[in-house]
Amino acid sequence: MAKSENIYLIGLMGAGKTTIGRLLAKSLKMPFYDSDKIIEDLTGVDIPTIFEFEGEVGFRDREQKALAGLTKLTHVVLATGGGAVIREENRECLKENGFVVYLQCSVDRILERTKRDTQRPLLQTDNPRAKLEQLLIEREPLYLSCADYVVDSGTLQSKAAVKNILQRYRDL
């Protein structure tokens, strides 16, 4: 894989994809994209509003279309939505077009990071812990199936995670 290839970050919501993605992009002097932000910019509304009016399926359709376009770009860092890996087409686009990094993070750490965040529709439930545990059980095999590299973003500071990713990326 050439160094000019894309870096795609996958993982549960709150795993640090946006934070680490921005730092990676800055280090590599590459553009940074966040697929959820792109979807919001294209629709003119936030993710919770899309979920409210179109449901999760409507959002996933928009996400798939956005990822199909974003994975055609070259020399970029992309933070995907936590559920981007649900669809086979998305996993294939990611695997075929870049270096995929799974930011693995514990449910406890994600709960700490997201406890005041009202912009995560899947966590607007009476039991966010149970929801995150369910999502992790469902999605972790999908994350692992398309990841080229796994980093524990729950225990590492963002800068240390970036250092690990850069070292692996440059070794390719």
N, C-alpha and C. Protein backbone atom coordinates (compact mmCIF):
# COMPACT_ATOMS: atom_id res chain seq x y z
N MET A 1 0.85 -1.18 0.00
CA MET A 1 0.00 0.00 0.00
C MET A 1 0.89 1.25 0.00
N ALA A 2 0.60 2.17 -0.85
CA ALA A 2 1.38 3.41 -0.93
C ALA A 2 1.04 4.32 0.24
N LYS A 3 2.00 5.13 0.64
CA LYS A 3 1.77 6.05 1.75
C LYS A 3 0.70 7.07 1.44
N SER A 4 0.42 7.30 0.15
CA SER A 4 -0.57 8.31 -0.22
C SER A 4 -2.00 7.81 -0.05
N GLU A 5 -2.15 6.55 0.34
CA GLU A 5 -3.50 6.00 0.48
C GLU A 5 -4.25 6.63 1.65
N ASN A 6 -5.53 6.41 1.62
CA ASN A 6 -6.44 6.94 2.64
C ASN A 6 -6.29 6.18 3.96
N ILE A 7 -6.67 6.87 5.03
CA ILE A 7 -6.80 6.23 6.33
C ILE A 7 -8.26 6.38 6.75
N TYR A 8 -8.91 5.26 7.04
CA TYR A 8 -10.30 5.26 7.47
C TYR A 8 -10.37 4.79 8.92
N LEU A 9 -11.08 5.54 9.74
CA LEU A 9 -11.24 5.18 11.14
C LEU A 9 -12.64 4.63 11.37
N ILE A 10 -12.70 3.46 12.00
CA ILE A 10 -13.97 2.83 12.33
C ILE A 10 -14.00 2.54 13.82
N GLY A 11 -15.18 2.35 14.36
CA GLY A 11 -15.34 2.03 15.78
C GLY A 11 -16.64 2.59 16.29
N LEU A 12 -16.99 2.20 17.50
CA LEU A 12 -18.24 2.66 18.10
C LEU A 12 -18.24 4.18 18.28
N MET A 13 -19.42 4.74 18.40
CA MET A 13 -19.54 6.16 18.71
C MET A 13 -18.79 6.45 20.00
N GLY A 14 -18.11 7.57 20.03
CA GLY A 14 -17.37 7.93 21.24
C GLY A 14 -16.00 7.29 21.37
N ALA A 15 -15.60 6.52 20.36
CA ALA A 15 -14.29 5.85 20.42
C ALA A 15 -13.14 6.82 20.12
N GLY A 16 -13.45 7.99 19.58
CA GLY A 16 -12.42 8.99 19.31
C GLY A 16 -12.08 9.15 17.84
N LYS A 17 -12.94 8.69 16.95
CA LYS A 17 -12.64 8.73 15.52
C LYS A 17 -12.42 10.16 15.01
N THR A 18 -13.26 11.08 15.41
CA THR A 18 -13.13 12.46 14.94
C THR A 18 -11.89 13.12 15.54
N THR A 19 -11.69 12.98 16.82
CA THR A 19 -10.52 13.59 17.48
C THR A 19 -9.22 13.05 16.91
N ILE A 20 -9.11 11.73 16.86
CA ILE A 20 -7.89 11.10 16.35
C ILE A 20 -7.74 11.36 14.85
N GLY A 21 -8.85 11.36 14.13
CA GLY A 21 -8.80 11.64 12.69
C GLY A 21 -8.25 13.02 12.38
N ARG A 22 -8.69 14.01 13.13
CA ARG A 22 -8.18 15.38 12.92
C ARG A 22 -6.68 15.45 13.19
N LEU A 23 -6.24 14.80 14.27
CA LEU A 23 -4.81 14.81 14.60
C LEU A 23 -3.99 14.08 13.54
N LEU A 24 -4.51 12.95 13.06
CA LEU A 24 -3.81 12.20 12.00
C LEU A 24 -3.68 13.05 10.74
N ALA A 25 -4.79 13.65 10.34
CA ALA A 25 -4.80 14.46 9.13
C ALA A 25 -3.81 15.62 9.24
N LYS A 26 -3.77 16.25 10.39
CA LYS A 26 -2.84 17.34 10.61
C LYS A 26 -1.40 16.84 10.51
N SER A 27 -1.10 15.72 11.13
CA SER A 27 0.25 15.15 11.10
C SER A 27 0.68 14.79 9.68
N LEU A 28 -0.25 14.30 8.90
CA LEU A 28 0.06 13.85 7.54
C LEU A 28 -0.18 14.94 6.48
N LYS A 29 -0.67 16.09 6.93
CA LYS A 29 -1.01 17.18 6.01
C LYS A 29 -1.98 16.69 4.92
N MET A 30 -3.00 15.99 5.40
CA MET A 30 -4.04 15.44 4.53
C MET A 30 -5.38 16.04 4.94
N PRO A 31 -6.32 16.14 4.00
CA PRO A 31 -7.66 16.63 4.38
C PRO A 31 -8.35 15.62 5.31
N PHE A 32 -9.18 16.13 6.21
CA PHE A 32 -9.95 15.30 7.12
C PHE A 32 -11.43 15.41 6.79
N TYR A 33 -12.08 14.26 6.77
CA TYR A 33 -13.53 14.22 6.55
C TYR A 33 -14.17 13.38 7.65
N ASP A 34 -15.35 13.79 8.06
CA ASP A 34 -16.17 13.05 9.02
C ASP A 34 -17.47 12.73 8.28
N SER A 35 -17.75 11.45 8.06
CA SER A 35 -18.90 11.09 7.24
C SER A 35 -20.22 11.61 7.83
N ASP A 36 -20.35 11.61 9.15
CA ASP A 36 -21.58 12.15 9.75
C ASP A 36 -21.73 13.64 9.47
N LYS A 37 -20.63 14.37 9.54
CA LYS A 37 -20.67 15.82 9.27
C LYS A 37 -21.02 16.07 7.79
N ILE A 38 -20.48 15.26 6.90
CA ILE A 38 -20.80 15.39 5.48
C ILE A 38 -22.29 15.18 5.26
N ILE A 39 -22.86 14.16 5.91
CA ILE A 39 -24.29 13.87 5.77
C ILE A 39 -25.11 15.05 6.29
N GLU A 40 -24.70 15.61 7.42
CA GLU A 40 -25.41 16.78 7.97
C GLU A 40 -25.32 17.96 7.01
N ASP A 41 -24.14 18.18 6.45
CA ASP A 41 -23.96 19.30 5.51
C ASP A 41 -24.82 19.12 4.26
N LEU A 42 -24.89 17.88 3.76
CA LEU A 42 -25.67 17.61 2.55
C LEU A 42 -27.17 17.73 2.77
N THR A 43 -27.63 17.34 3.96
CA THR A 43 -29.07 17.36 4.24
C THR A 43 -29.53 18.68 4.85
N GLY A 44 -28.61 19.38 5.49
CA GLY A 44 -28.99 20.63 6.16
C GLY A 44 -29.61 20.41 7.53
N VAL A 45 -29.59 19.17 8.01
CA VAL A 45 -30.13 18.87 9.34
C VAL A 45 -29.16 17.95 10.08
N ASP A 46 -29.33 17.86 11.41
CA ASP A 46 -28.44 17.01 12.18
C ASP A 46 -28.88 15.54 12.13
N ILE A 47 -28.00 14.67 12.57
CA ILE A 47 -28.25 13.22 12.53
C ILE A 47 -29.51 12.85 13.31
N PRO A 48 -29.73 13.39 14.52
CA PRO A 48 -30.96 13.03 15.23
C PRO A 48 -32.23 13.35 14.43
N THR A 49 -32.21 14.44 13.68
CA THR A 49 -33.38 14.80 12.86
C THR A 49 -33.58 13.80 11.73
N ILE A 50 -32.49 13.36 11.12
CA ILE A 50 -32.60 12.34 10.06
C ILE A 50 -33.20 11.07 10.66
N PHE A 51 -32.72 10.66 11.83
CA PHE A 51 -33.26 9.47 12.49
C PHE A 51 -34.74 9.65 12.79
N GLU A 52 -35.11 10.84 13.25
CA GLU A 52 -36.51 11.11 13.62
C GLU A 52 -37.44 10.98 12.41
N PHE A 53 -37.03 11.52 11.27
CA PHE A 53 -37.92 11.54 10.11
C PHE A 53 -37.74 10.36 9.16
N GLU A 54 -36.55 9.79 9.11
CA GLU A 54 -36.29 8.71 8.15
C GLU A 54 -35.96 7.38 8.82
N GLY A 55 -35.77 7.40 10.12
CA GLY A 55 -35.40 6.19 10.84
C GLY A 55 -33.96 5.81 10.56
N GLU A 56 -33.53 4.73 11.20
CA GLU A 56 -32.15 4.30 11.02
C GLU A 56 -31.89 3.85 9.59
N VAL A 57 -32.86 3.20 8.96
CA VAL A 57 -32.66 2.72 7.58
C VAL A 57 -32.43 3.90 6.63
N GLY A 58 -33.20 4.97 6.80
CA GLY A 58 -33.02 6.16 5.96
C GLY A 58 -31.64 6.76 6.17
N PHE A 59 -31.22 6.82 7.42
CA PHE A 59 -29.88 7.34 7.70
C PHE A 59 -28.82 6.45 7.08
N ARG A 60 -28.95 5.13 7.22
CA ARG A 60 -27.95 4.19 6.67
C ARG A 60 -27.89 4.30 5.15
N ASP A 61 -29.01 4.56 4.50
CA ASP A 61 -29.00 4.78 3.04
C ASP A 61 -28.17 6.01 2.69
N ARG A 62 -28.37 7.08 3.43
CA ARG A 62 -27.60 8.31 3.21
C ARG A 62 -26.11 8.07 3.50
N GLU A 63 -25.84 7.32 4.56
CA GLU A 63 -24.47 7.03 4.94
C GLU A 63 -23.77 6.23 3.85
N GLN A 64 -24.46 5.24 3.31
CA GLN A 64 -23.86 4.40 2.26
C GLN A 64 -23.52 5.25 1.04
N LYS A 65 -24.42 6.13 0.67
CA LYS A 65 -24.18 7.01 -0.49
C LYS A 65 -22.98 7.94 -0.21
N ALA A 66 -22.93 8.49 1.00
CA ALA A 66 -21.83 9.39 1.36
C ALA A 66 -20.49 8.64 1.34
N LEU A 67 -20.47 7.44 1.91
CA LEU A 67 -19.23 6.66 1.95
C LEU A 67 -18.77 6.25 0.55
N ALA A 68 -19.72 5.95 -0.33
CA ALA A 68 -19.35 5.59 -1.70
C ALA A 68 -18.60 6.75 -2.36
N GLY A 69 -19.03 7.97 -2.10
CA GLY A 69 -18.34 9.14 -2.64
C GLY A 69 -17.04 9.44 -1.93
N LEU A 70 -17.05 9.38 -0.61
CA LEU A 70 -15.85 9.70 0.17
C LEU A 70 -14.71 8.72 -0.07
N THR A 71 -15.02 7.46 -0.32
CA THR A 71 -13.96 6.48 -0.55
C THR A 71 -13.39 6.56 -1.96
N LYS A 72 -13.95 7.43 -2.79
CA LYS A 72 -13.37 7.69 -4.11
C LYS A 72 -12.29 8.77 -4.04
N LEU A 73 -12.29 9.52 -2.94
CA LEU A 73 -11.27 10.55 -2.74
C LEU A 73 -9.93 9.87 -2.47
N THR A 74 -8.85 10.58 -2.73
CA THR A 74 -7.54 10.01 -2.46
C THR A 74 -6.78 10.91 -1.49
N HIS A 75 -5.89 10.27 -0.74
CA HIS A 75 -5.01 10.96 0.20
C HIS A 75 -5.82 11.75 1.24
N VAL A 76 -6.76 11.04 1.92
CA VAL A 76 -7.59 11.67 2.94
C VAL A 76 -7.62 10.81 4.20
N VAL A 77 -8.01 11.45 5.29
CA VAL A 77 -8.32 10.75 6.54
C VAL A 77 -9.83 10.89 6.72
N LEU A 78 -10.49 9.77 6.97
CA LEU A 78 -11.95 9.76 7.09
C LEU A 78 -12.37 9.09 8.39
N ALA A 79 -13.16 9.80 9.19
CA ALA A 79 -13.81 9.22 10.37
C ALA A 79 -15.20 8.80 9.93
N THR A 80 -15.50 7.52 10.07
CA THR A 80 -16.82 7.02 9.68
C THR A 80 -17.76 7.06 10.89
N GLY A 81 -19.04 6.92 10.62
CA GLY A 81 -20.01 6.78 11.70
C GLY A 81 -19.84 5.40 12.33
N GLY A 82 -20.24 5.27 13.57
CA GLY A 82 -20.07 4.01 14.29
C GLY A 82 -20.73 2.81 13.63
N GLY A 83 -21.82 3.05 12.91
CA GLY A 83 -22.54 1.95 12.26
C GLY A 83 -22.21 1.77 10.80
N ALA A 84 -21.22 2.46 10.31
CA ALA A 84 -20.88 2.38 8.88
C ALA A 84 -20.58 0.96 8.44
N VAL A 85 -20.05 0.15 9.34
CA VAL A 85 -19.65 -1.22 8.99
C VAL A 85 -20.83 -2.19 8.89
N ILE A 86 -22.01 -1.76 9.26
CA ILE A 86 -23.18 -2.64 9.25
C ILE A 86 -23.43 -3.19 7.84
N ARG A 87 -23.28 -2.34 6.86
CA ARG A 87 -23.56 -2.76 5.48
C ARG A 87 -22.29 -3.28 4.80
N GLU A 88 -22.44 -4.42 4.18
CA GLU A 88 -21.34 -5.09 3.46
C GLU A 88 -20.70 -4.15 2.43
N GLU A 89 -21.53 -3.40 1.71
CA GLU A 89 -21.02 -2.49 0.68
C GLU A 89 -20.05 -1.47 1.28
N ASN A 90 -20.38 -0.98 2.45
CA ASN A 90 -19.51 -0.01 3.12
C ASN A 90 -18.19 -0.65 3.53
N ARG A 91 -18.28 -1.84 4.09
CA ARG A 91 -17.04 -2.53 4.50
C ARG A 91 -16.14 -2.76 3.30
N GLU A 92 -16.72 -3.16 2.20
CA GLU A 92 -15.93 -3.41 0.98
C GLU A 92 -15.28 -2.12 0.48
N CYS A 93 -16.05 -1.03 0.44
CA CYS A 93 -15.49 0.27 0.00
C CYS A 93 -14.31 0.68 0.87
N LEU A 94 -14.45 0.49 2.17
CA LEU A 94 -13.37 0.86 3.08
C LEU A 94 -12.14 -0.02 2.86
N LYS A 95 -12.34 -1.32 2.83
CA LYS A 95 -11.21 -2.26 2.68
C LYS A 95 -10.48 -2.07 1.36
N GLU A 96 -11.21 -1.77 0.31
CA GLU A 96 -10.61 -1.68 -1.02
C GLU A 96 -9.90 -0.36 -1.28
N ASN A 97 -10.17 0.65 -0.47
CA ASN A 97 -9.68 1.98 -0.81
C ASN A 97 -8.78 2.65 0.21
N GLY A 98 -8.36 1.91 1.24
CA GLY A 98 -7.50 2.56 2.21
C GLY A 98 -7.08 1.67 3.36
N PHE A 99 -6.38 2.27 4.27
CA PHE A 99 -5.87 1.63 5.48
C PHE A 99 -6.93 1.83 6.56
N VAL A 100 -7.55 0.74 7.01
CA VAL A 100 -8.67 0.81 7.94
C VAL A 100 -8.19 0.56 9.37
N VAL A 101 -8.46 1.53 10.25
CA VAL A 101 -8.04 1.44 11.64
C VAL A 101 -9.28 1.36 12.53
N TYR A 102 -9.35 0.29 13.31
CA TYR A 102 -10.44 0.12 14.27
C TYR A 102 -10.01 0.72 15.60
N LEU A 103 -10.71 1.75 16.03
CA LEU A 103 -10.46 2.35 17.33
C LEU A 103 -11.34 1.60 18.34
N GLN A 104 -10.71 0.69 19.05
CA GLN A 104 -11.40 -0.15 20.02
C GLN A 104 -11.48 0.61 21.33
N CYS A 105 -12.64 0.58 21.96
CA CYS A 105 -12.82 1.35 23.19
C CYS A 105 -13.84 0.65 24.08
N SER A 106 -13.60 0.66 25.37
CA SER A 106 -14.51 -0.02 26.30
C SER A 106 -15.84 0.73 26.42
N VAL A 107 -16.86 -0.01 26.77
CA VAL A 107 -18.19 0.59 26.99
C VAL A 107 -18.11 1.62 28.11
N ASP A 108 -17.38 1.33 29.17
CA ASP A 108 -17.25 2.29 30.28
C ASP A 108 -16.69 3.62 29.80
N ARG A 109 -15.63 3.55 29.00
CA ARG A 109 -14.99 4.78 28.51
C ARG A 109 -15.92 5.54 27.57
N ILE A 110 -16.64 4.82 26.71
CA ILE A 110 -17.58 5.48 25.79
C ILE A 110 -18.69 6.16 26.58
N LEU A 111 -19.19 5.51 27.61
CA LEU A 111 -20.23 6.11 28.44
C LEU A 111 -19.73 7.41 29.08
N GLU A 112 -18.48 7.40 29.56
CA GLU A 112 -17.88 8.62 30.12
C GLU A 112 -17.89 9.74 29.09
N ARG A 113 -17.48 9.40 27.87
CA ARG A 113 -17.32 10.41 26.82
C ARG A 113 -18.65 10.91 26.27
N THR A 114 -19.69 10.10 26.34
CA THR A 114 -20.96 10.46 25.67
C THR A 114 -22.09 10.81 26.63
N LYS A 115 -21.83 10.82 27.93
CA LYS A 115 -22.93 10.95 28.89
C LYS A 115 -23.75 12.23 28.74
N ARG A 116 -23.16 13.29 28.25
CA ARG A 116 -23.90 14.55 28.08
C ARG A 116 -24.23 14.85 26.62
N ASP A 117 -23.94 13.91 25.75
CA ASP A 117 -24.12 14.13 24.31
C ASP A 117 -25.53 13.74 23.88
N THR A 118 -26.30 14.72 23.43
CA THR A 118 -27.67 14.45 22.98
C THR A 118 -27.75 14.23 21.47
N GLN A 119 -26.60 14.24 20.80
CA GLN A 119 -26.58 14.11 19.35
C GLN A 119 -26.35 12.67 18.88
N ARG A 120 -26.55 11.72 19.76
CA ARG A 120 -26.35 10.31 19.42
C ARG A 120 -27.67 9.57 19.60
N PRO A 121 -28.44 9.49 18.51
CA PRO A 121 -29.80 8.94 18.61
C PRO A 121 -29.88 7.55 19.22
N LEU A 122 -28.91 6.70 18.95
CA LEU A 122 -28.97 5.33 19.46
C LEU A 122 -28.77 5.26 20.97
N LEU A 123 -28.25 6.34 21.57
CA LEU A 123 -28.05 6.36 23.02
C LEU A 123 -29.17 7.07 23.77
N GLN A 124 -30.17 7.56 23.04
CA GLN A 124 -31.30 8.22 23.69
C GLN A 124 -32.29 7.15 24.16
N THR A 125 -31.87 6.44 25.17
CA THR A 125 -32.60 5.31 25.71
C THR A 125 -32.47 5.30 27.22
N ASP A 126 -33.32 4.53 27.88
CA ASP A 126 -33.26 4.44 29.35
C ASP A 126 -31.99 3.77 29.83
N ASN A 127 -31.39 2.93 28.97
CA ASN A 127 -30.21 2.18 29.40
C ASN A 127 -29.11 2.26 28.32
N PRO A 128 -28.39 3.38 28.28
CA PRO A 128 -27.34 3.53 27.27
C PRO A 128 -26.27 2.44 27.36
N ARG A 129 -25.95 1.99 28.57
CA ARG A 129 -24.94 0.93 28.74
C ARG A 129 -25.37 -0.34 28.01
N ALA A 130 -26.60 -0.75 28.21
CA ALA A 130 -27.09 -1.96 27.55
C ALA A 130 -27.07 -1.80 26.04
N LYS A 131 -27.42 -0.60 25.57
CA LYS A 131 -27.40 -0.35 24.12
C LYS A 131 -25.99 -0.44 23.58
N LEU A 132 -25.03 0.17 24.26
CA LEU A 132 -23.63 0.12 23.81
C LEU A 132 -23.09 -1.31 23.84
N GLU A 133 -23.44 -2.05 24.89
CA GLU A 133 -22.99 -3.44 24.97
C GLU A 133 -23.55 -4.26 23.81
N GLN A 134 -24.82 -4.02 23.49
CA GLN A 134 -25.45 -4.71 22.36
C GLN A 134 -24.77 -4.33 21.04
N LEU A 135 -24.52 -3.04 20.85
CA LEU A 135 -23.86 -2.58 19.62
C LEU A 135 -22.47 -3.18 19.49
N LEU A 136 -21.74 -3.25 20.59
CA LEU A 136 -20.40 -3.82 20.56
C LEU A 136 -20.44 -5.30 20.17
N ILE A 137 -21.36 -6.04 20.74
CA ILE A 137 -21.50 -7.47 20.40
C ILE A 137 -21.81 -7.62 18.90
N GLU A 138 -22.71 -6.78 18.39
CA GLU A 138 -23.12 -6.88 16.98
C GLU A 138 -22.02 -6.41 16.03
N ARG A 139 -21.35 -5.33 16.41
CA ARG A 139 -20.45 -4.68 15.45
C ARG A 139 -18.99 -5.08 15.55
N GLU A 140 -18.52 -5.51 16.71
CA GLU A 140 -17.08 -5.79 16.83
C GLU A 140 -16.59 -6.80 15.79
N PRO A 141 -17.31 -7.88 15.52
CA PRO A 141 -16.83 -8.80 14.47
C PRO A 141 -16.73 -8.10 13.10
N LEU A 142 -17.62 -7.15 12.84
CA LEU A 142 -17.58 -6.42 11.57
C LEU A 142 -16.38 -5.46 11.54
N TYR A 143 -16.14 -4.78 12.66
CA TYR A 143 -14.97 -3.90 12.74
C TYR A 143 -13.70 -4.71 12.50
N LEU A 144 -13.58 -5.82 13.20
CA LEU A 144 -12.38 -6.64 13.08
C LEU A 144 -12.22 -7.23 11.69
N SER A 145 -13.33 -7.52 11.02
CA SER A 145 -13.26 -8.14 9.69
C SER A 145 -12.70 -7.20 8.63
N CYS A 146 -12.81 -5.90 8.85
CA CYS A 146 -12.29 -5.00 7.82
C CYS A 146 -11.13 -4.13 8.31
N ALA A 147 -10.71 -4.33 9.55
CA ALA A 147 -9.60 -3.52 10.08
C ALA A 147 -8.25 -4.06 9.63
N ASP A 148 -7.38 -3.14 9.22
CA ASP A 148 -5.98 -3.47 8.95
C ASP A 148 -5.16 -3.35 10.22
N TYR A 149 -5.67 -2.57 11.17
CA TYR A 149 -4.94 -2.30 12.40
C TYR A 149 -5.95 -1.96 13.49
N VAL A 150 -5.66 -2.36 14.72
CA VAL A 150 -6.54 -2.09 15.86
C VAL A 150 -5.76 -1.30 16.90
N VAL A 151 -6.37 -0.23 17.40
CA VAL A 151 -5.76 0.60 18.44
C VAL A 151 -6.76 0.75 19.58
N ASP A 152 -6.28 0.61 20.81
CA ASP A 152 -7.14 0.81 21.97
C ASP A 152 -7.21 2.30 22.27
N SER A 153 -8.27 2.93 21.80
CA SER A 153 -8.42 4.37 21.98
C SER A 153 -9.04 4.72 23.32
N GLY A 154 -9.36 3.71 24.10
CA GLY A 154 -9.92 3.95 25.42
C GLY A 154 -8.87 4.13 26.48
N THR A 155 -7.72 3.48 26.30
CA THR A 155 -6.66 3.59 27.30
C THR A 155 -5.54 4.52 26.86
N LEU A 156 -5.34 4.64 25.56
CA LEU A 156 -4.29 5.52 25.06
C LEU A 156 -4.80 6.95 24.94
N GLN A 157 -3.95 7.90 25.24
CA GLN A 157 -4.26 9.29 24.95
C GLN A 157 -4.31 9.46 23.43
N SER A 158 -5.05 10.44 22.95
CA SER A 158 -5.21 10.63 21.50
C SER A 158 -3.88 10.73 20.77
N LYS A 159 -2.95 11.50 21.34
CA LYS A 159 -1.65 11.68 20.67
C LYS A 159 -0.88 10.37 20.59
N ALA A 160 -0.98 9.53 21.62
CA ALA A 160 -0.31 8.23 21.61
C ALA A 160 -0.95 7.30 20.58
N ALA A 161 -2.27 7.35 20.48
CA ALA A 161 -2.98 6.55 19.48
C ALA A 161 -2.54 6.97 18.07
N VAL A 162 -2.45 8.27 17.86
CA VAL A 162 -2.01 8.79 16.56
C VAL A 162 -0.60 8.31 16.25
N LYS A 163 0.27 8.37 17.23
CA LYS A 163 1.66 7.93 17.05
C LYS A 163 1.70 6.46 16.63
N ASN A 164 0.90 5.61 17.29
CA ASN A 164 0.84 4.19 16.95
C ASN A 164 0.33 3.98 15.53
N ILE A 165 -0.72 4.69 15.17
CA ILE A 165 -1.30 4.55 13.83
C ILE A 165 -0.30 5.02 12.78
N LEU A 166 0.34 6.14 13.01
CA LEU A 166 1.32 6.66 12.05
C LEU A 166 2.48 5.70 11.86
N GLN A 167 2.94 5.12 12.95
CA GLN A 167 4.06 4.16 12.85
C GLN A 167 3.66 2.99 11.98
N ARG A 168 2.48 2.44 12.21
CA ARG A 168 2.01 1.30 11.43
C ARG A 168 1.78 1.68 9.96
N TYR A 169 1.17 2.84 9.77
CA TYR A 169 0.88 3.34 8.41
C TYR A 169 2.16 3.55 7.61
N ARG A 170 3.15 4.10 8.25
CA ARG A 170 4.43 4.36 7.56
C ARG A 170 5.23 3.10 7.31
N ASP A 171 4.95 2.04 8.06
CA ASP A 171 5.62 0.77 7.87
C ASP A 171 5.05 -0.05 6.71
N LEU A 172 3.93 0.42 6.18
CA LEU A 172 3.28 -0.35 5.09
C LEU A 172 4.10 -0.34 3.82
